[in-house]
Amino acid sequence: SVGGFASFVMTHLAKTGLLDRVRFRPMTLPDRFIDHNTQAAQYHEAGLDAVAITNTALEALGVGISMTQPLLKTANGPKS
């Protein structure tokens, strides 16, 4: 969630200019309860699955495409 250790690190990096030339997009767990489920389903609900991470990276890079499913199936990925 927002406000943890990563926020302190990000603030330090920003204040020291280390993020000036970086396209940085923080991805954190939402500040709400996520129901018990498989890991893949919980990551998907939190917006932290492979598709969401890929789309965030592509958006940060200015690439005009969007993914709807992972390119590769992983051992822990969603099952279709």
N, C-alpha and C. Protein backbone atom coordinates (compact mmCIF):
# COMPACT_ATOMS: atom_id res chain seq x y z
N SER A 1 0.84 -1.18 0.00
CA SER A 1 0.00 0.00 0.00
C SER A 1 0.88 1.24 0.00
N VAL A 2 0.29 2.35 -0.30
CA VAL A 2 1.01 3.62 -0.37
C VAL A 2 1.45 4.01 1.03
N GLY A 3 2.63 4.60 1.14
CA GLY A 3 3.09 5.11 2.42
C GLY A 3 4.07 4.21 3.14
N GLY A 4 4.47 3.13 2.54
CA GLY A 4 5.40 2.20 3.17
C GLY A 4 6.84 2.56 2.87
N PHE A 5 7.72 1.59 3.07
CA PHE A 5 9.15 1.78 2.86
C PHE A 5 9.46 2.26 1.45
N ALA A 6 8.76 1.70 0.46
CA ALA A 6 9.01 2.09 -0.93
C ALA A 6 8.74 3.57 -1.15
N SER A 7 7.78 4.13 -0.45
CA SER A 7 7.49 5.57 -0.57
C SER A 7 8.66 6.40 -0.07
N PHE A 8 9.28 5.96 1.01
CA PHE A 8 10.45 6.67 1.52
C PHE A 8 11.61 6.60 0.53
N VAL A 9 11.82 5.42 -0.05
CA VAL A 9 12.88 5.26 -1.04
C VAL A 9 12.60 6.13 -2.25
N MET A 10 11.35 6.11 -2.76
CA MET A 10 10.98 6.92 -3.92
C MET A 10 11.17 8.41 -3.63
N THR A 11 10.78 8.86 -2.45
CA THR A 11 10.94 10.26 -2.08
C THR A 11 12.42 10.63 -2.07
N HIS A 12 13.25 9.79 -1.50
CA HIS A 12 14.70 10.05 -1.47
C HIS A 12 15.25 10.13 -2.89
N LEU A 13 14.89 9.17 -3.73
CA LEU A 13 15.38 9.17 -5.11
C LEU A 13 14.92 10.42 -5.86
N ALA A 14 13.69 10.84 -5.65
CA ALA A 14 13.17 12.03 -6.32
C ALA A 14 13.88 13.29 -5.83
N LYS A 15 14.07 13.41 -4.51
CA LYS A 15 14.70 14.61 -3.95
C LYS A 15 16.17 14.73 -4.33
N THR A 16 16.82 13.61 -4.59
CA THR A 16 18.24 13.65 -4.97
C THR A 16 18.43 13.67 -6.48
N GLY A 17 17.33 13.74 -7.23
CA GLY A 17 17.42 13.86 -8.68
C GLY A 17 17.64 12.55 -9.42
N LEU A 18 17.59 11.45 -8.71
CA LEU A 18 17.86 10.17 -9.36
C LEU A 18 16.69 9.67 -10.20
N LEU A 19 15.55 10.32 -10.11
CA LEU A 19 14.40 9.94 -10.95
C LEU A 19 14.17 10.92 -12.09
N ASP A 20 15.04 11.92 -12.23
CA ASP A 20 14.81 12.97 -13.22
C ASP A 20 14.69 12.44 -14.64
N ARG A 21 15.43 11.43 -15.00
CA ARG A 21 15.40 10.92 -16.37
C ARG A 21 14.76 9.53 -16.45
N VAL A 22 14.01 9.17 -15.42
CA VAL A 22 13.42 7.84 -15.34
C VAL A 22 11.91 7.95 -15.49
N ARG A 23 11.33 7.05 -16.23
CA ARG A 23 9.87 6.96 -16.32
C ARG A 23 9.41 5.99 -15.24
N PHE A 24 9.10 6.53 -14.11
CA PHE A 24 8.80 5.74 -12.92
C PHE A 24 7.30 5.70 -12.68
N ARG A 25 6.75 4.52 -12.54
CA ARG A 25 5.33 4.34 -12.24
C ARG A 25 5.22 3.39 -11.06
N PRO A 26 4.91 3.91 -9.87
CA PRO A 26 4.78 3.00 -8.72
C PRO A 26 3.55 2.12 -8.85
N MET A 27 3.70 0.89 -8.46
CA MET A 27 2.57 -0.05 -8.45
C MET A 27 2.50 -0.63 -7.05
N THR A 28 1.39 -0.41 -6.38
CA THR A 28 1.25 -0.85 -5.00
C THR A 28 -0.05 -1.62 -4.81
N LEU A 29 -0.13 -2.32 -3.71
CA LEU A 29 -1.39 -2.96 -3.36
C LEU A 29 -2.41 -1.89 -3.01
N PRO A 30 -3.65 -2.07 -3.40
CA PRO A 30 -4.67 -1.07 -3.06
C PRO A 30 -4.97 -1.08 -1.57
N ASP A 31 -5.44 0.05 -1.05
CA ASP A 31 -5.81 0.16 0.36
C ASP A 31 -7.24 -0.31 0.56
N ARG A 32 -7.46 -1.57 0.30
CA ARG A 32 -8.77 -2.18 0.50
C ARG A 32 -8.56 -3.68 0.66
N PHE A 33 -9.54 -4.33 1.22
CA PHE A 33 -9.46 -5.77 1.44
C PHE A 33 -9.59 -6.51 0.12
N ILE A 34 -8.75 -7.49 -0.08
CA ILE A 34 -8.84 -8.36 -1.25
C ILE A 34 -9.25 -9.74 -0.75
N ASP A 35 -10.35 -10.24 -1.28
CA ASP A 35 -10.87 -11.54 -0.85
C ASP A 35 -9.85 -12.65 -1.05
N HIS A 36 -9.93 -13.66 -0.19
CA HIS A 36 -9.08 -14.84 -0.33
C HIS A 36 -9.41 -15.52 -1.64
N ASN A 37 -8.37 -15.94 -2.33
CA ASN A 37 -8.52 -16.59 -3.63
C ASN A 37 -7.16 -17.15 -4.00
N THR A 38 -7.00 -17.61 -5.22
CA THR A 38 -5.68 -18.04 -5.67
C THR A 38 -4.77 -16.82 -5.76
N GLN A 39 -3.45 -17.05 -5.74
CA GLN A 39 -2.53 -15.93 -5.88
C GLN A 39 -2.77 -15.18 -7.17
N ALA A 40 -2.96 -15.91 -8.26
CA ALA A 40 -3.17 -15.28 -9.56
C ALA A 40 -4.40 -14.38 -9.54
N ALA A 41 -5.49 -14.85 -8.94
CA ALA A 41 -6.71 -14.06 -8.88
C ALA A 41 -6.54 -12.83 -8.00
N GLN A 42 -5.80 -12.97 -6.89
CA GLN A 42 -5.57 -11.82 -6.01
C GLN A 42 -4.69 -10.77 -6.69
N TYR A 43 -3.63 -11.21 -7.38
CA TYR A 43 -2.80 -10.26 -8.12
C TYR A 43 -3.61 -9.55 -9.20
N HIS A 44 -4.46 -10.30 -9.89
CA HIS A 44 -5.30 -9.70 -10.93
C HIS A 44 -6.22 -8.64 -10.33
N GLU A 45 -6.89 -8.98 -9.23
CA GLU A 45 -7.81 -8.03 -8.58
C GLU A 45 -7.07 -6.78 -8.10
N ALA A 46 -5.83 -6.95 -7.66
CA ALA A 46 -5.04 -5.82 -7.16
C ALA A 46 -4.42 -5.00 -8.29
N GLY A 47 -4.51 -5.50 -9.52
CA GLY A 47 -3.89 -4.80 -10.64
C GLY A 47 -2.39 -4.99 -10.68
N LEU A 48 -1.92 -6.13 -10.15
CA LEU A 48 -0.49 -6.40 -10.10
C LEU A 48 -0.13 -7.71 -10.80
N ASP A 49 -0.96 -8.13 -11.75
CA ASP A 49 -0.65 -9.34 -12.51
C ASP A 49 0.22 -8.96 -13.71
N ALA A 50 0.65 -9.96 -14.47
CA ALA A 50 1.55 -9.73 -15.59
C ALA A 50 0.99 -8.75 -16.61
N VAL A 51 -0.30 -8.86 -16.90
CA VAL A 51 -0.93 -7.96 -17.88
C VAL A 51 -0.90 -6.52 -17.38
N ALA A 52 -1.25 -6.30 -16.12
CA ALA A 52 -1.27 -4.93 -15.57
C ALA A 52 0.13 -4.34 -15.52
N ILE A 53 1.12 -5.15 -15.13
CA ILE A 53 2.50 -4.66 -15.07
C ILE A 53 2.99 -4.31 -16.48
N THR A 54 2.69 -5.19 -17.44
CA THR A 54 3.09 -4.93 -18.83
C THR A 54 2.44 -3.66 -19.36
N ASN A 55 1.14 -3.50 -19.12
CA ASN A 55 0.44 -2.30 -19.60
C ASN A 55 0.97 -1.03 -18.95
N THR A 56 1.32 -1.09 -17.66
CA THR A 56 1.89 0.07 -16.99
C THR A 56 3.23 0.43 -17.61
N ALA A 57 4.06 -0.57 -17.88
CA ALA A 57 5.36 -0.32 -18.51
C ALA A 57 5.20 0.23 -19.92
N LEU A 58 4.30 -0.35 -20.71
CA LEU A 58 4.08 0.13 -22.07
C LEU A 58 3.56 1.57 -22.07
N GLU A 59 2.66 1.87 -21.15
CA GLU A 59 2.12 3.23 -21.04
C GLU A 59 3.23 4.21 -20.66
N ALA A 60 4.09 3.83 -19.73
CA ALA A 60 5.19 4.70 -19.31
C ALA A 60 6.16 4.95 -20.46
N LEU A 61 6.32 3.96 -21.33
CA LEU A 61 7.22 4.10 -22.47
C LEU A 61 6.56 4.80 -23.65
N GLY A 62 5.27 5.08 -23.54
CA GLY A 62 4.56 5.76 -24.62
C GLY A 62 4.19 4.86 -25.77
N VAL A 63 4.18 3.56 -25.54
CA VAL A 63 3.81 2.60 -26.57
C VAL A 63 2.29 2.56 -26.65
N GLY A 64 1.76 2.67 -27.83
CA GLY A 64 0.31 2.79 -28.00
C GLY A 64 -0.43 1.47 -28.12
N ILE A 65 0.04 0.44 -27.43
CA ILE A 65 -0.69 -0.82 -27.45
C ILE A 65 -1.03 -1.22 -26.02
N SER A 66 -1.94 -2.14 -25.90
CA SER A 66 -2.36 -2.61 -24.58
C SER A 66 -2.53 -4.12 -24.64
N MET A 67 -2.12 -4.78 -23.58
CA MET A 67 -2.23 -6.24 -23.50
C MET A 67 -3.54 -6.60 -22.80
N THR A 68 -4.13 -7.71 -23.20
CA THR A 68 -5.31 -8.21 -22.50
C THR A 68 -5.04 -9.56 -21.85
N GLN A 69 -3.93 -10.21 -22.26
CA GLN A 69 -3.54 -11.47 -21.64
C GLN A 69 -2.02 -11.59 -21.72
N PRO A 70 -1.41 -12.38 -20.85
CA PRO A 70 0.05 -12.52 -20.88
C PRO A 70 0.52 -13.15 -22.19
N LEU A 71 1.72 -12.77 -22.61
CA LEU A 71 2.29 -13.37 -23.81
C LEU A 71 2.66 -14.83 -23.57
N LEU A 72 3.17 -15.11 -22.38
CA LEU A 72 3.57 -16.47 -22.02
C LEU A 72 2.78 -16.93 -20.81
N LYS A 73 2.41 -18.17 -20.80
CA LYS A 73 1.76 -18.72 -19.60
C LYS A 73 2.84 -19.08 -18.60
N THR A 74 2.64 -18.70 -17.36
CA THR A 74 3.59 -19.02 -16.31
C THR A 74 2.98 -20.06 -15.38
N ALA A 75 3.82 -20.64 -14.55
CA ALA A 75 3.34 -21.66 -13.62
C ALA A 75 2.28 -21.12 -12.68
N ASN A 76 2.39 -19.84 -12.30
CA ASN A 76 1.45 -19.25 -11.35
C ASN A 76 0.44 -18.33 -12.01
N GLY A 77 0.47 -18.25 -13.33
CA GLY A 77 -0.41 -17.31 -14.03
C GLY A 77 -1.85 -17.77 -14.06
N PRO A 78 -2.72 -16.87 -14.54
CA PRO A 78 -4.14 -17.21 -14.60
C PRO A 78 -4.41 -18.36 -15.55
N LYS A 79 -5.38 -19.14 -15.22
CA LYS A 79 -5.76 -20.27 -16.07
C LYS A 79 -6.98 -19.88 -16.89
N SER A 80 -6.94 -20.24 -18.19
CA SER A 80 -8.08 -19.90 -19.03
C SER A 80 -8.91 -21.10 -19.37
